[in-house]
Amino acid sequence: MLEHNETIELIAKAQKGDEEAKTKLLVHNSPLIKSIIRRYINKGVDYDDLYQLGSMGFLKAIKNFDTSYNVKFSTYAVPMIAGEVKRFLRDDGYIKVSRTLKILSNKINQFIENYKKNHATDPSIELLSKEFNLEPQEIVFAMDSSKFPISLYEKNDDSDSSSLIDKISSENENTDDILDRLILADIINELSDREKKIIIMRYYRDKTQSEVATMLGVSQVQVSRLESKIIEKIKNKFFPRNQENDL
């Protein structure tokens, strides 16, 4: 197991093009990758291909990780590994989006485009919820079902933004992965109103920590600390048996 400081040093080297550092990180975190891809073994993709996808997600995590993030590297890497696999499955047709969600997503997208023309800004999740008479989580699910262009898997341009949570994949109601959606929805519902708002604004409305801080009337540092605690809470509930390394 790599020590935290050694991990950070290897990441810094890897980001500068050191292939040996990348390989060492990949080898030492192979158990983490394997523990995540096991959940997708029965999705019609060979195990070796799943591992390759997981490795690609891990390498993206190395590339995009910012050591100023107040989180462990493993915390950052887990959703990116799972996200790479899920995106492949979704794009390759293994995960089918329900017709209802597609229709709703198109309606929401059209409303957003019209709203932006008149207001020069995106409507909030709360406004969309009122407009379509749906819960915020349902709006998020629908938007994600058509790969709405808000990615949680890659780093945003904002210096204080990070991509720490795997978005819920919208799937056919007959597939096993619907459990992922239900589990995460339950977890989010257990959060306080303040915690929900931080998660929605940061990861579904692409707001920076500074913007969220202004909305909440607190400092950016406070938002950063709260966000880290929320992400850790969600991760621990969503991956209760995850065998990740304590990086």
Protein backbone atom coordinates (compact mmCIF):
# COMPACT_ATOMS: atom_id res chain seq x y z
CA MET A 1 0.00 0.00 0.00
CA LEU A 2 1.34 3.42 -0.94
CA GLU A 3 1.62 6.11 1.69
CA HIS A 4 -0.32 9.32 1.08
CA ASN A 5 2.80 11.44 0.50
CA GLU A 6 4.23 8.88 -1.92
CA THR A 7 0.96 8.83 -3.82
CA ILE A 8 0.96 12.62 -4.16
CA GLU A 9 4.58 12.58 -5.36
CA LEU A 10 3.84 9.92 -7.96
CA ILE A 11 0.79 11.84 -9.18
CA ALA A 12 2.89 14.98 -9.62
CA LYS A 13 5.45 13.01 -11.65
CA ALA A 14 2.77 11.27 -13.71
CA GLN A 15 1.14 14.59 -14.56
CA LYS A 16 4.50 15.69 -15.97
CA GLY A 17 4.66 12.67 -18.25
CA ASP A 18 6.48 10.13 -16.10
CA GLU A 19 5.17 6.81 -17.42
CA GLU A 20 6.90 4.82 -14.69
CA ALA A 21 5.01 6.79 -12.04
CA LYS A 22 1.72 6.12 -13.84
CA THR A 23 2.47 2.42 -14.00
CA LYS A 24 3.36 2.25 -10.32
CA LEU A 25 0.13 3.99 -9.34
CA LEU A 26 -1.87 1.70 -11.61
CA VAL A 27 -0.27 -1.47 -10.23
CA HIS A 28 -0.71 -0.49 -6.60
CA ASN A 29 -4.35 0.46 -7.19
CA SER A 30 -5.30 -2.58 -9.22
CA PRO A 31 -7.35 -4.01 -6.29
CA LEU A 32 -9.35 -0.77 -6.15
CA ILE A 33 -10.13 -0.92 -9.88
CA LYS A 34 -11.12 -4.59 -9.66
CA SER A 35 -13.41 -3.98 -6.69
CA ILE A 36 -15.34 -1.38 -8.68
CA ILE A 37 -15.64 -3.17 -12.03
CA ARG A 38 -17.05 -6.32 -10.36
CA ARG A 39 -20.40 -4.54 -10.23
CA TYR A 40 -20.54 -4.52 -14.04
CA ILE A 41 -19.46 -8.08 -14.82
CA ASN A 42 -22.89 -9.21 -16.07
CA LYS A 43 -23.39 -6.34 -18.50
CA GLY A 44 -22.24 -8.12 -21.65
CA VAL A 45 -18.66 -6.86 -21.55
CA ASP A 46 -15.60 -9.07 -21.04
CA TYR A 47 -13.82 -8.75 -17.71
CA ASP A 48 -10.58 -7.71 -19.41
CA ASP A 49 -12.41 -4.96 -21.26
CA LEU A 50 -14.01 -3.79 -18.03
CA TYR A 51 -10.61 -3.66 -16.37
CA GLN A 52 -9.25 -1.66 -19.29
CA LEU A 53 -12.12 0.80 -18.97
CA GLY A 54 -11.56 1.06 -15.23
CA SER A 55 -7.88 1.69 -15.83
CA MET A 56 -8.73 4.46 -18.28
CA GLY A 57 -10.90 6.10 -15.65
CA PHE A 58 -8.10 5.75 -13.11
CA LEU A 59 -5.60 7.37 -15.47
CA LYS A 60 -8.02 10.25 -16.02
CA ALA A 61 -8.19 10.64 -12.26
CA ILE A 62 -4.40 10.91 -12.14
CA LYS A 63 -4.40 13.49 -14.94
CA ASN A 64 -7.11 15.68 -13.42
CA PHE A 65 -6.40 15.35 -9.71
CA ASP A 66 -5.49 18.57 -7.93
CA THR A 67 -3.51 18.09 -4.72
CA SER A 68 -5.26 21.14 -3.29
CA TYR A 69 -8.48 19.11 -3.11
CA ASN A 70 -9.29 18.35 0.50
CA VAL A 71 -9.90 14.66 -0.27
CA LYS A 72 -7.92 11.46 -0.57
CA PHE A 73 -6.92 10.52 -4.09
CA SER A 74 -8.86 7.27 -3.78
CA THR A 75 -12.01 9.25 -2.98
CA TYR A 76 -11.51 11.20 -6.19
CA ALA A 77 -10.64 8.12 -8.27
CA VAL A 78 -13.56 5.85 -7.32
CA PRO A 79 -16.34 7.72 -9.16
CA MET A 80 -14.12 8.36 -12.18
CA ILE A 81 -13.36 4.65 -12.54
CA ALA A 82 -17.03 3.73 -12.27
CA GLY A 83 -17.99 6.63 -14.49
CA GLU A 84 -15.75 5.49 -17.33
CA VAL A 85 -17.38 2.05 -17.31
CA LYS A 86 -20.90 3.46 -17.07
CA ARG A 87 -20.37 5.89 -19.91
CA PHE A 88 -19.11 3.10 -22.14
CA LEU A 89 -22.11 0.95 -21.33
CA ARG A 90 -24.49 3.82 -21.91
CA ASP A 91 -22.87 4.97 -25.15
CA ASP A 92 -22.50 1.42 -26.47
CA GLY A 93 -26.15 0.65 -25.97
CA TYR A 94 -25.96 -1.77 -23.06
CA ILE A 95 -27.83 0.60 -20.81
CA LYS A 96 -31.07 1.74 -22.40
CA VAL A 97 -32.69 4.99 -21.36
CA SER A 98 -36.42 4.72 -20.90
CA ARG A 99 -38.61 6.46 -23.47
CA THR A 100 -40.35 8.47 -20.74
CA LEU A 101 -37.09 9.89 -19.46
CA LYS A 102 -35.96 10.72 -22.98
CA ILE A 103 -39.15 12.66 -23.68
CA LEU A 104 -38.96 14.48 -20.34
CA SER A 105 -35.28 15.24 -20.88
CA ASN A 106 -36.01 16.78 -24.28
CA LYS A 107 -38.73 18.96 -22.76
CA ILE A 108 -36.42 20.12 -19.99
CA ASN A 109 -33.62 20.82 -22.42
CA GLN A 110 -35.93 22.88 -24.64
CA PHE A 111 -37.19 24.84 -21.63
CA ILE A 112 -33.61 25.57 -20.58
CA GLU A 113 -32.67 26.82 -24.04
CA ASN A 114 -35.70 29.13 -24.18
CA TYR A 115 -35.07 30.34 -20.64
CA LYS A 116 -31.42 31.18 -21.45
CA LYS A 117 -32.50 33.25 -24.46
CA ASN A 118 -34.67 35.45 -22.23
CA HIS A 119 -32.59 35.52 -19.06
CA ALA A 120 -29.00 34.94 -20.25
CA THR A 121 -28.51 32.34 -17.53
CA ASP A 122 -29.48 28.76 -16.74
CA PRO A 123 -32.64 28.11 -14.72
CA SER A 124 -32.08 26.64 -11.27
CA ILE A 125 -33.01 23.08 -10.37
CA GLU A 126 -35.64 24.54 -8.06
CA LEU A 127 -37.23 26.48 -10.91
CA LEU A 128 -37.23 23.40 -13.15
CA SER A 129 -38.82 21.39 -10.36
CA LYS A 130 -41.67 23.88 -10.09
CA GLU A 131 -42.06 24.16 -13.86
CA PHE A 132 -42.38 20.40 -14.38
CA ASN A 133 -43.93 19.60 -10.99
CA LEU A 134 -41.16 17.11 -10.15
CA GLU A 135 -38.72 16.56 -7.31
CA PRO A 136 -35.19 17.96 -7.85
CA GLN A 137 -33.78 14.42 -8.00
CA GLU A 138 -36.24 13.50 -10.77
CA ILE A 139 -35.15 16.52 -12.79
CA VAL A 140 -31.52 15.49 -12.35
CA PHE A 141 -32.26 11.90 -13.42
CA ALA A 142 -34.04 13.07 -16.55
CA MET A 143 -31.28 15.49 -17.49
CA ASP A 144 -28.65 12.81 -17.02
CA SER A 145 -30.58 10.26 -19.08
CA SER A 146 -29.69 11.99 -22.33
CA LYS A 147 -26.15 12.78 -21.23
CA PHE A 148 -26.97 16.39 -20.44
CA PRO A 149 -23.69 18.30 -20.80
CA ILE A 150 -22.82 18.53 -17.14
CA SER A 151 -20.09 15.99 -16.44
CA LEU A 152 -19.14 14.81 -12.99
CA TYR A 153 -16.39 12.62 -14.33
CA GLU A 154 -13.98 15.27 -15.56
CA LYS A 155 -12.48 18.31 -13.92
CA ASN A 156 -14.19 21.63 -14.58
CA ASP A 157 -12.29 24.69 -15.73
CA ASP A 158 -12.90 26.44 -12.41
CA SER A 159 -9.97 26.14 -10.05
CA ASP A 160 -12.15 25.33 -7.06
CA SER A 161 -14.32 22.80 -8.90
CA SER A 162 -13.80 19.08 -8.65
CA SER A 163 -15.48 15.95 -9.97
CA LEU A 164 -16.02 13.66 -7.02
CA ILE A 165 -19.34 11.94 -7.42
CA ASP A 166 -20.51 9.54 -10.06
CA LYS A 167 -23.74 10.75 -11.60
CA ILE A 168 -26.72 8.42 -11.55
CA SER A 169 -27.10 6.53 -14.80
CA SER A 170 -30.64 6.50 -16.17
CA GLU A 171 -31.50 3.01 -17.23
CA ASN A 172 -34.32 0.74 -18.30
CA GLU A 173 -36.42 -0.19 -15.29
CA ASN A 174 -35.70 -3.88 -15.91
CA THR A 175 -31.93 -3.61 -15.47
CA ASP A 176 -30.12 -4.37 -12.22
CA ASP A 177 -28.34 -1.01 -12.22
CA ILE A 178 -31.61 0.74 -11.37
CA LEU A 179 -30.57 -0.14 -7.81
CA ASP A 180 -27.71 2.34 -8.12
CA ARG A 181 -30.21 5.09 -8.88
CA LEU A 182 -32.51 4.16 -6.03
CA ILE A 183 -29.68 3.81 -3.53
CA LEU A 184 -28.16 7.18 -4.41
CA ALA A 185 -31.58 8.84 -4.39
CA ASP A 186 -32.19 7.49 -0.90
CA ILE A 187 -28.80 8.70 0.25
CA ILE A 188 -29.41 12.19 -1.12
CA ASN A 189 -32.85 12.27 0.49
CA GLU A 190 -31.20 11.61 3.85
CA LEU A 191 -29.02 14.70 3.50
CA SER A 192 -30.01 17.95 5.15
CA ASP A 193 -31.52 20.69 2.99
CA ARG A 194 -28.22 22.53 3.06
CA GLU A 195 -26.26 19.45 2.03
CA LYS A 196 -28.69 18.72 -0.81
CA LYS A 197 -28.34 22.26 -2.09
CA ILE A 198 -24.55 22.06 -2.10
CA ILE A 199 -24.56 18.77 -4.01
CA ILE A 200 -27.13 19.94 -6.57
CA MET A 201 -25.46 23.29 -7.20
CA ARG A 202 -21.94 21.87 -7.36
CA TYR A 203 -22.51 18.68 -9.31
CA TYR A 204 -25.70 19.22 -11.28
CA ARG A 205 -25.63 22.96 -11.94
CA ASP A 206 -21.85 23.23 -12.39
CA LYS A 207 -21.46 26.04 -9.86
CA THR A 208 -18.07 26.84 -8.36
CA GLN A 209 -17.47 26.67 -4.63
CA SER A 210 -17.24 30.46 -4.56
CA GLU A 211 -20.63 30.80 -6.23
CA VAL A 212 -22.19 28.33 -3.80
CA ALA A 213 -20.56 30.19 -0.89
CA THR A 214 -22.19 33.43 -2.03
CA MET A 215 -25.59 31.73 -2.29
CA LEU A 216 -25.28 30.28 1.20
CA GLY A 217 -23.71 33.34 2.76
CA VAL A 218 -20.59 31.51 3.94
CA SER A 219 -16.93 31.39 2.91
CA GLN A 220 -15.49 29.30 0.07
CA VAL A 221 -13.38 27.44 2.63
CA GLN A 222 -16.50 26.46 4.56
CA VAL A 223 -18.14 25.18 1.37
CA SER A 224 -15.02 23.16 0.57
CA ARG A 225 -15.06 21.53 4.01
CA LEU A 226 -18.80 20.84 3.90
CA GLU A 227 -18.54 19.40 0.40
CA SER A 228 -15.75 17.03 1.40
CA LYS A 229 -17.78 15.77 4.36
CA ILE A 230 -20.89 15.27 2.20
CA ILE A 231 -18.97 13.41 -0.50
CA GLU A 232 -17.35 11.18 2.10
CA LYS A 233 -20.77 10.47 3.63
CA ILE A 234 -22.25 9.56 0.25
CA LYS A 235 -19.24 7.45 -0.74
CA ASN A 236 -19.28 5.49 2.50
CA LYS A 237 -22.96 4.66 2.08
CA PHE A 238 -22.79 3.96 -1.64
CA PHE A 239 -19.65 1.81 -1.42
CA PRO A 240 -20.04 0.23 2.03
CA ARG A 241 -17.79 -2.72 1.14
CA ASN A 242 -15.44 -0.95 -1.20
CA GLN A 243 -11.91 -2.35 -0.85
CA GLU A 244 -10.14 0.84 -1.77
CA ASN A 245 -6.66 1.62 -0.54
CA ASP A 246 -6.21 4.29 2.08
CA LEU A 247 -4.20 6.50 -0.21
